[in-house]
Amino acid sequence: MGIVVTGIGAVTPVGIGREATWDSLTEGRNGVDKITLFDPKAYGLQVEIDAEVKDWDPKIHTNWVHAKDLRYQHRSAQFAGYATYEARKQAGLVRFPKSKKPYDVVNLVGTGGGGSDRYEEMTRAVDSRKSILPSQLIQSIYNSVLSSIAKTTEHDQAFPISTACATGADSAAVATRFLLSTNDVVPCEVSYVGGTEAAISATSIKSFDGIRALSTRSDPETASRPFSLGRDGFVMGEGAVVAILESERFARKRGAKPLARMIGWSSICRPGDPTRPSLDDIVETMNRSIRQANISAKDIDLIIAHGTSTPINDLAETNAIKRVFGECAYKIPITAPKSMVGHMMGAGGALNILVAVQSLVTGIVPPTINYIPDPECDLDYVPKFARRVEPRRVMVDAFGFGNQNCCLIFELFEDWRI
């Protein structure tokens, strides 16, 4: 008995909801466009594009939340609330089953930046000697993502994970410690994992642009181009993806039909450069997840890449795949969802979980759009169009600043597909 995925919810730049997101990804739709959340020219920014969640209306999309509570929810918390509720519906856990033996539900949904834009607002208030609103302070705190949805999302414990761009995947790796523990008096049987982000602001854009991490292309159609010749940085995105992990024992007992098994996980954070990836640590993270899954490298049928569209990161990930998989590296399909949704930061690794599970269930792999062959990044990135692959085992990559590295491996659940 192990760990299974029973539900997934999503709010992304290409769709509100899991199905809308998946349809857009498989059709290769681009979610990058001009910045609308603020005026970049007012701040003298050279970056004019991002990947925003379109047509978001919290009164409609989170109508189960009372209006007085909603005003204290940051945009990132609203995204997380919707994604969690959708995941619970798919898993059949809108109402949790009663049991004679008590069990815990642990919420580990994290965020990379939290309500960072509220710090920007509060700093302006201080500089202009204006008052700071209680809602601004509450929304700025990282754990507000979990505490603000606690009234509508049943859980017993909550620990918001924040490991930069590896957050969404790291939360799943941490969940294994709870779900597989045999020492707790009250066992954990269910965990919410994933990430949420809504950190598009003048401060964050200018900060990432200052370290030359962002693309400065003005054309939103081609700016996000992972592994491609001419890539010049990532496009900042936002959104949330939440998955429900359960012990297989508990899922079977309540009659759930899992989407996939999670069989491998590894997370490494060692001393290193704060922004440059460590090839050796990425390789070790991949190898550990393969060993954890008790399989060999040749058993991986698909890789959901971190693929940010930065020159250094994409090359490091490509070289790591070559070192881990050898000649097989050239035979494994690799897809980079960030080509369509930009970099959803703390939710990026969680989006990769969605793509991994949906690829297992449907047999379809979304494309890496905007790909132009690069002599150094010369693997099979499933360019331009979706492909039928029907993978059995999928690796998820998620790497972050501070040398945060996470790899997960998911397996098809008893050959069940839609």
Protein backbone atom coordinates (compact mmCIF):
# COMPACT_ATOMS: atom_id res chain seq x y z
CA MET A 1 0.00 0.00 0.00
CA GLY A 2 1.29 3.46 -0.89
CA ILE A 3 0.15 6.95 -1.85
CA VAL A 4 -2.44 7.80 -4.50
CA VAL A 5 -3.77 10.94 -6.17
CA THR A 6 -7.57 11.15 -6.02
CA GLY A 7 -8.36 14.72 -7.06
CA ILE A 8 -6.90 17.82 -8.71
CA GLY A 9 -8.12 21.41 -9.00
CA ALA A 10 -6.65 24.32 -10.93
CA VAL A 11 -6.77 28.03 -11.65
CA THR A 12 -4.25 28.98 -14.34
CA PRO A 13 -3.53 31.60 -17.01
CA VAL A 14 -5.14 29.30 -19.60
CA GLY A 15 -8.28 28.31 -17.74
CA ILE A 16 -10.29 28.38 -14.54
CA GLY A 17 -10.74 24.76 -13.56
CA ARG A 18 -8.93 21.50 -14.23
CA GLU A 19 -10.68 20.62 -17.48
CA ALA A 20 -10.42 24.12 -18.95
CA THR A 21 -6.72 24.18 -18.13
CA TRP A 22 -6.09 20.73 -19.55
CA ASP A 23 -7.96 21.44 -22.77
CA SER A 24 -5.94 24.62 -23.29
CA LEU A 25 -2.64 22.89 -22.57
CA THR A 26 -3.28 20.02 -24.98
CA GLU A 27 -4.37 22.48 -27.66
CA GLY A 28 -1.22 24.54 -27.17
CA ARG A 29 -2.99 27.77 -26.23
CA ASN A 30 -0.82 30.64 -25.07
CA GLY A 31 -1.72 32.31 -21.76
CA VAL A 32 0.85 35.10 -21.98
CA ASP A 33 -0.38 38.63 -22.70
CA LYS A 34 0.15 42.27 -21.77
CA ILE A 35 0.21 43.19 -18.08
CA THR A 36 -3.18 44.42 -16.86
CA LEU A 37 -2.87 44.14 -13.06
CA PHE A 38 -0.88 47.39 -12.98
CA ASP A 39 0.62 49.85 -15.45
CA PRO A 40 4.27 48.91 -16.10
CA LYS A 41 4.98 52.24 -17.79
CA ALA A 42 4.07 54.07 -14.59
CA TYR A 43 7.06 52.35 -12.95
CA GLY A 44 9.45 52.64 -15.88
CA LEU A 45 9.55 48.87 -16.40
CA GLN A 46 10.89 47.38 -19.62
CA VAL A 47 8.90 44.18 -19.04
CA GLU A 48 5.36 44.58 -20.39
CA ILE A 49 4.04 41.01 -20.46
CA ASP A 50 2.97 38.38 -17.96
CA ALA A 51 0.65 35.37 -17.67
CA GLU A 52 -2.38 36.40 -15.63
CA VAL A 53 -5.48 34.42 -14.67
CA LYS A 54 -8.16 35.83 -16.97
CA ASP A 55 -11.73 36.76 -15.99
CA TRP A 56 -11.26 35.91 -12.33
CA ASP A 57 -14.20 37.04 -10.19
CA PRO A 58 -13.98 35.84 -6.57
CA LYS A 59 -17.67 36.55 -5.95
CA ILE A 60 -18.52 34.07 -8.69
CA HIS A 61 -15.70 31.55 -8.48
CA THR A 62 -15.62 31.33 -4.67
CA ASN A 63 -19.30 31.96 -3.99
CA TRP A 64 -19.26 29.59 -1.00
CA VAL A 65 -17.11 32.11 0.90
CA HIS A 66 -18.94 34.77 2.91
CA ALA A 67 -18.36 38.32 1.63
CA LYS A 68 -16.89 39.51 4.94
CA ASP A 69 -14.36 36.67 4.84
CA LEU A 70 -13.54 37.20 1.19
CA ARG A 71 -12.20 40.71 1.78
CA TYR A 72 -9.45 39.22 3.95
CA GLN A 73 -8.44 36.70 1.29
CA HIS A 74 -5.52 37.55 -0.93
CA ARG A 75 -5.85 36.73 -4.63
CA SER A 76 -3.51 33.77 -4.08
CA ALA A 77 -5.74 32.45 -1.28
CA GLN A 78 -8.80 32.77 -3.53
CA PHE A 79 -7.06 30.75 -6.23
CA ALA A 80 -6.10 28.11 -3.68
CA GLY A 81 -9.63 27.96 -2.30
CA TYR A 82 -11.11 27.30 -5.73
CA ALA A 83 -8.49 24.69 -6.66
CA THR A 84 -8.90 22.90 -3.34
CA TYR A 85 -12.67 22.77 -3.61
CA GLU A 86 -12.46 21.41 -7.17
CA ALA A 87 -9.96 18.76 -6.06
CA ARG A 88 -12.22 17.72 -3.20
CA LYS A 89 -15.17 17.33 -5.56
CA GLN A 90 -13.23 15.10 -7.93
CA ALA A 91 -11.93 13.03 -5.03
CA GLY A 92 -15.39 12.68 -3.50
CA LEU A 93 -14.20 14.40 -0.34
CA VAL A 94 -16.47 17.42 -0.12
CA ARG A 95 -17.67 15.65 2.99
CA PHE A 96 -15.18 13.43 4.74
CA PRO A 97 -16.25 9.92 5.76
CA LYS A 98 -16.78 9.28 9.43
CA SER A 99 -14.59 6.65 11.01
CA LYS A 100 -14.51 4.91 14.36
CA LYS A 101 -10.78 5.48 14.36
CA PRO A 102 -9.72 9.15 14.19
CA TYR A 103 -7.51 10.33 11.33
CA ASP A 104 -5.91 13.62 10.32
CA VAL A 105 -6.21 15.69 7.15
CA VAL A 106 -3.06 17.77 6.61
CA ASN A 107 -2.97 20.88 4.41
CA LEU A 108 0.46 21.58 2.90
CA VAL A 109 -0.49 23.91 0.04
CA GLY A 110 2.29 26.48 -0.21
CA THR A 111 3.27 29.71 -1.88
CA GLY A 112 6.51 31.23 -3.07
CA GLY A 113 5.64 34.88 -2.57
CA GLY A 114 2.39 34.92 -0.64
CA GLY A 115 0.80 38.37 -0.56
CA SER A 116 4.02 40.13 -1.54
CA ASP A 117 2.11 42.88 -3.34
CA ARG A 118 0.53 43.84 -0.05
CA TYR A 119 4.01 44.63 1.34
CA GLU A 120 4.39 46.96 -1.61
CA GLU A 121 1.12 48.68 -0.70
CA MET A 122 2.02 48.92 2.98
CA THR A 123 5.43 50.39 2.19
CA ARG A 124 3.76 53.11 0.14
CA ALA A 125 1.37 53.75 3.03
CA VAL A 126 4.27 54.15 5.45
CA ASP A 127 6.15 56.48 3.06
CA SER A 128 3.07 58.65 2.61
CA ARG A 129 2.10 58.45 6.30
CA LYS A 130 -1.20 56.78 5.55
CA SER A 131 -2.90 54.04 7.57
CA ILE A 132 -2.39 50.36 6.87
CA LEU A 133 -5.60 48.39 6.56
CA PRO A 134 -6.02 45.20 8.63
CA SER A 135 -6.81 43.30 5.42
CA GLN A 136 -3.46 44.34 3.93
CA LEU A 137 -1.53 42.97 6.88
CA ILE A 138 -3.54 39.74 7.06
CA GLN A 139 -3.22 39.10 3.33
CA SER A 140 0.55 39.66 3.40
CA ILE A 141 1.25 36.78 5.81
CA TYR A 142 2.25 33.49 4.15
CA ASN A 143 0.00 31.28 6.24
CA SER A 144 -3.01 33.39 5.24
CA VAL A 145 -3.28 31.16 2.17
CA LEU A 146 -4.24 28.28 4.46
CA SER A 147 -5.88 30.07 7.37
CA SER A 148 -8.17 32.11 5.12
CA ILE A 149 -9.65 29.01 3.48
CA ALA A 150 -9.85 26.99 6.71
CA LYS A 151 -13.53 27.86 7.14
CA THR A 152 -14.46 26.08 3.93
CA THR A 153 -11.67 23.50 3.63
CA GLU A 154 -11.71 20.74 6.21
CA HIS A 155 -8.30 19.94 7.66
CA ASP A 156 -6.74 19.20 11.04
CA GLN A 157 -3.23 20.55 10.56
CA ALA A 158 -1.80 23.14 8.19
CA PHE A 159 1.84 23.82 7.34
CA PRO A 160 2.32 26.19 4.38
CA ILE A 161 5.39 25.12 2.39
CA SER A 162 7.56 27.84 0.84
CA THR A 163 10.59 26.66 -1.13
CA ALA A 164 10.59 29.19 -3.96
CA CYS A 165 9.70 27.70 -7.35
CA ALA A 166 9.90 24.13 -6.02
CA THR A 167 7.06 24.79 -3.54
CA GLY A 168 4.23 23.05 -5.40
CA ALA A 169 6.18 19.82 -5.80
CA ASP A 170 7.96 19.98 -2.45
CA SER A 171 4.62 20.01 -0.65
CA ALA A 172 3.89 16.58 -2.15
CA ALA A 173 7.31 15.31 -1.08
CA VAL A 174 6.68 16.53 2.47
CA ALA A 175 3.22 14.93 2.48
CA THR A 176 4.81 11.50 2.20
CA ARG A 177 6.24 11.93 5.71
CA PHE A 178 2.73 12.32 7.08
CA LEU A 179 0.95 9.76 4.93
CA LEU A 180 3.50 6.98 5.45
CA SER A 181 4.20 7.57 9.13
CA THR A 182 3.39 4.64 11.40
CA ASN A 183 4.33 6.39 14.64
CA ASP A 184 1.52 8.91 14.99
CA VAL A 185 -1.26 8.27 17.49
CA VAL A 186 -3.69 9.80 14.97
CA PRO A 187 -2.56 8.81 11.47
CA CYS A 188 -2.67 11.17 8.49
CA GLU A 189 -4.79 9.66 5.72
CA VAL A 190 -5.35 12.69 3.43
CA SER A 191 -3.16 15.64 2.46
CA TYR A 192 -3.78 18.68 0.28
CA VAL A 193 -0.64 19.48 -1.68
CA GLY A 194 0.30 22.00 -4.34
CA GLY A 195 0.95 25.69 -4.60
CA THR A 196 -0.61 29.05 -5.28
CA GLU A 197 0.79 32.36 -6.44
CA ALA A 198 -0.45 35.86 -7.22
CA ALA A 199 2.71 37.90 -6.94
CA ILE A 200 2.54 39.95 -10.12
CA SER A 201 3.36 43.48 -8.99
CA ALA A 202 5.75 46.28 -9.89
CA THR A 203 8.11 45.24 -7.11
CA SER A 204 8.32 41.57 -8.11
CA ILE A 205 8.63 42.33 -11.82
CA LYS A 206 11.37 44.89 -11.21
CA SER A 207 13.17 42.56 -8.79
CA PHE A 208 13.31 39.60 -11.18
CA ASP A 209 14.14 41.89 -14.07
CA GLY A 210 16.98 43.30 -11.99
CA ILE A 211 18.69 39.90 -11.90
CA ARG A 212 17.95 39.43 -15.61
CA ALA A 213 15.65 36.47 -15.01
CA LEU A 214 12.69 37.77 -17.03
CA SER A 215 12.17 37.82 -20.76
CA THR A 216 12.26 41.33 -22.20
CA ARG A 217 10.50 40.35 -25.42
CA SER A 218 7.47 42.47 -26.20
CA ASP A 219 5.67 39.77 -28.19
CA PRO A 220 3.57 37.69 -25.77
CA GLU A 221 3.06 34.96 -28.35
CA THR A 222 6.71 33.88 -28.44
CA ALA A 223 8.32 35.20 -25.25
CA SER A 224 8.05 32.03 -23.16
CA ARG A 225 10.15 29.50 -25.07
CA PRO A 226 11.68 26.79 -22.85
CA PHE A 227 14.72 24.95 -24.24
CA SER A 228 14.49 27.07 -27.38
CA LEU A 229 17.16 28.94 -29.27
CA GLY A 230 16.98 32.62 -28.35
CA ARG A 231 15.28 32.17 -24.96
CA ASP A 232 16.05 35.16 -22.75
CA GLY A 233 14.17 34.58 -19.49
CA PHE A 234 10.88 33.50 -17.98
CA VAL A 235 7.49 35.18 -18.08
CA MET A 236 5.93 35.71 -14.66
CA GLY A 237 2.64 33.87 -14.16
CA GLU A 238 0.11 33.23 -11.42
CA GLY A 239 -2.51 30.70 -10.40
CA ALA A 240 -2.97 27.64 -8.21
CA VAL A 241 -3.02 23.87 -8.52
CA VAL A 242 -4.02 21.64 -5.61
CA ALA A 243 -3.91 17.84 -5.57
CA ILE A 244 -5.29 15.45 -2.98
CA LEU A 245 -2.97 12.68 -1.85
CA GLU A 246 -4.31 9.80 0.22
CA SER A 247 -2.97 6.63 1.67
CA GLU A 248 -4.05 3.90 -0.73
CA ARG A 249 -5.49 2.03 2.22
CA PHE A 250 -7.85 4.89 3.05
CA ALA A 251 -8.82 5.51 -0.59
CA ARG A 252 -9.72 1.84 -1.11
CA LYS A 253 -11.65 1.70 2.13
CA ARG A 254 -13.89 4.60 1.12
CA GLY A 255 -14.32 3.30 -2.45
CA ALA A 256 -12.38 6.01 -4.27
CA LYS A 257 -10.93 5.43 -7.72
CA PRO A 258 -7.43 6.93 -7.75
CA LEU A 259 -6.03 8.78 -10.74
CA ALA A 260 -2.41 7.75 -10.20
CA ARG A 261 0.10 6.45 -7.69
CA MET A 262 2.93 8.59 -6.37
CA ILE A 263 5.84 6.18 -6.16
CA GLY A 264 8.97 8.33 -6.05
CA TRP A 265 10.02 11.58 -4.41
CA SER A 266 13.18 13.42 -3.57
CA SER A 267 13.97 16.92 -2.35
CA ILE A 268 17.44 18.39 -1.94
CA CYS A 269 18.60 21.81 -0.75
CA ARG A 270 22.33 22.16 -0.28
CA PRO A 271 24.70 25.14 -0.10
CA GLY A 272 25.01 26.69 -3.51
CA ASP A 273 24.55 29.79 -5.61
CA PRO A 274 21.29 31.60 -4.72
CA THR A 275 20.17 31.86 -8.35
CA ARG A 276 22.25 29.47 -10.47
CA PRO A 277 21.20 25.79 -10.56
CA SER A 278 23.54 23.07 -9.34
CA LEU A 279 23.85 20.38 -12.00
CA ASP A 280 25.17 17.83 -9.51
CA ASP A 281 22.29 18.42 -7.09
CA ILE A 282 19.68 18.20 -9.84
CA VAL A 283 21.18 14.91 -10.98
CA GLU A 284 21.20 13.56 -7.42
CA THR A 285 17.59 14.64 -6.88
CA MET A 286 16.49 12.79 -10.03
CA ASN A 287 18.46 9.69 -9.11
CA ARG A 288 17.06 9.62 -5.58
CA SER A 289 13.47 9.80 -6.82
CA ILE A 290 14.15 6.89 -9.18
CA ARG A 291 15.68 4.84 -6.36
CA GLN A 292 12.77 5.74 -4.07
CA ALA A 293 10.36 4.44 -6.73
CA ASN A 294 12.36 1.19 -6.89
CA ILE A 295 12.65 1.43 -10.68
CA SER A 296 15.43 2.16 -13.16
CA ALA A 297 15.89 5.24 -15.32
CA LYS A 298 14.74 3.35 -18.42
CA ASP A 299 11.31 2.88 -16.78
CA ILE A 300 10.50 6.60 -17.05
CA ASP A 301 8.25 7.25 -20.07
CA LEU A 302 7.77 11.02 -19.81
CA ILE A 303 9.34 14.02 -18.07
CA ILE A 304 7.38 17.14 -17.10
CA ALA A 305 10.20 19.67 -17.16
CA HIS A 306 10.78 22.65 -14.92
CA GLY A 307 11.69 24.42 -18.18
CA THR A 308 11.59 28.08 -17.20
CA SER A 309 12.84 29.55 -20.51
CA THR A 310 16.03 30.95 -19.00
CA PRO A 311 19.34 30.21 -20.76
CA ILE A 312 21.08 28.71 -17.72
CA ASN A 313 18.25 26.70 -16.13
CA ASP A 314 17.07 24.99 -19.30
CA LEU A 315 20.60 23.97 -20.23
CA ALA A 316 21.25 22.63 -16.71
CA GLU A 317 18.02 20.59 -16.75
CA THR A 318 18.84 19.20 -20.21
CA ASN A 319 22.35 18.19 -19.14
CA ALA A 320 21.01 16.61 -15.93
CA ILE A 321 18.56 14.50 -17.93
CA LYS A 322 21.40 13.37 -20.19
CA ARG A 323 23.53 12.36 -17.21
CA VAL A 324 20.73 10.47 -15.47
CA PHE A 325 19.19 8.75 -18.49
CA GLY A 326 22.19 8.33 -20.80
CA GLU A 327 21.23 7.33 -24.33
CA CYS A 328 17.62 6.91 -23.21
CA ALA A 329 17.46 10.68 -22.71
CA TYR A 330 16.97 11.13 -26.44
CA LYS A 331 14.01 8.73 -26.47
CA ILE A 332 12.01 10.18 -23.57
CA PRO A 333 9.37 12.80 -24.42
CA ILE A 334 9.82 15.98 -22.37
CA THR A 335 7.21 18.72 -22.12
CA ALA A 336 7.49 22.24 -20.67
CA PRO A 337 4.07 23.65 -19.64
CA LYS A 338 5.62 27.04 -18.81
CA SER A 339 5.76 27.70 -22.54
CA MET A 340 2.00 28.34 -22.29
CA VAL A 341 1.38 29.58 -18.73
CA GLY A 342 4.63 31.32 -17.91
CA HIS A 343 6.25 30.68 -14.55
CA MET A 344 3.58 30.29 -11.89
CA MET A 345 6.34 30.43 -9.28
CA GLY A 346 5.20 28.57 -6.14
CA ALA A 347 2.43 26.91 -8.16
CA GLY A 348 4.73 25.85 -11.01
CA GLY A 349 5.65 22.46 -9.58
CA ALA A 350 1.99 21.81 -8.77
CA LEU A 351 1.01 22.52 -12.37
CA ASN A 352 3.57 19.90 -13.40
CA ILE A 353 1.81 17.41 -11.11
CA LEU A 354 -1.46 18.13 -12.90
CA VAL A 355 0.19 17.60 -16.30
CA ALA A 356 1.81 14.35 -15.11
CA VAL A 357 -1.43 12.89 -13.76
CA GLN A 358 -3.56 14.02 -16.70
CA SER A 359 -1.00 12.61 -19.14
CA LEU A 360 -1.19 9.26 -17.35
CA VAL A 361 -4.99 9.26 -17.32
CA THR A 362 -5.55 10.42 -20.91
CA GLY A 363 -2.40 9.17 -22.64
CA ILE A 364 -1.91 12.65 -24.15
CA VAL A 365 1.14 14.88 -23.59
CA PRO A 366 0.81 18.67 -24.04
CA PRO A 367 3.33 20.37 -26.31
CA THR A 368 6.19 22.75 -25.66
CA ILE A 369 5.11 25.67 -27.82
CA ASN A 370 7.45 28.28 -29.34
CA TYR A 371 10.29 25.75 -29.58
CA ILE A 372 13.11 26.53 -32.00
CA PRO A 373 15.86 23.85 -31.99
CA ASP A 374 18.90 24.71 -29.90
CA PRO A 375 22.09 22.69 -30.53
CA GLU A 376 22.71 22.51 -26.76
CA CYS A 377 19.12 21.63 -25.81
CA ASP A 378 18.64 18.81 -28.27
CA LEU A 379 16.23 16.39 -26.61
CA ASP A 380 12.62 15.56 -27.53
CA TYR A 381 10.62 18.44 -26.02
CA VAL A 382 7.33 17.49 -27.74
CA PRO A 383 7.45 20.68 -29.83
CA LYS A 384 4.40 22.63 -31.00
CA PHE A 385 1.71 19.92 -30.94
CA ALA A 386 0.33 17.50 -28.35
CA ARG A 387 1.28 13.86 -28.74
CA ARG A 388 -0.27 10.52 -27.80
CA VAL A 389 2.33 8.78 -25.66
CA GLU A 390 0.35 6.69 -23.14
CA PRO A 391 3.06 6.80 -20.48
CA ARG A 392 3.11 4.45 -17.53
CA ARG A 393 5.57 6.37 -15.32
CA VAL A 394 6.17 10.12 -15.34
CA MET A 395 8.84 12.24 -13.67
CA VAL A 396 8.06 15.77 -12.46
CA ASP A 397 10.88 18.32 -12.12
CA ALA A 398 10.68 21.46 -9.98
CA PHE A 399 13.68 23.62 -9.09
CA GLY A 400 13.92 26.93 -7.25
CA PHE A 401 16.22 29.72 -6.19
CA GLY A 402 18.32 28.86 -3.17
CA ASN A 403 19.26 25.53 -4.76
CA GLN A 404 15.86 23.97 -4.02
CA ASN A 405 15.45 20.79 -6.09
CA CYS A 406 12.51 18.40 -6.15
CA CYS A 407 11.60 15.40 -8.32
CA LEU A 408 8.46 13.29 -8.10
CA ILE A 409 7.46 10.13 -9.96
CA PHE A 410 3.87 9.15 -10.70
CA GLU A 411 2.63 5.83 -12.01
CA LEU A 412 -0.51 4.88 -13.91
CA PHE A 413 -3.07 3.39 -11.54
CA GLU A 414 -3.77 -0.19 -12.70
CA ASP A 415 -3.81 0.78 -16.37
CA TRP A 416 -6.95 2.85 -15.86
CA ARG A 417 -7.52 5.62 -18.40
CA ILE A 418 -10.44 7.83 -19.35
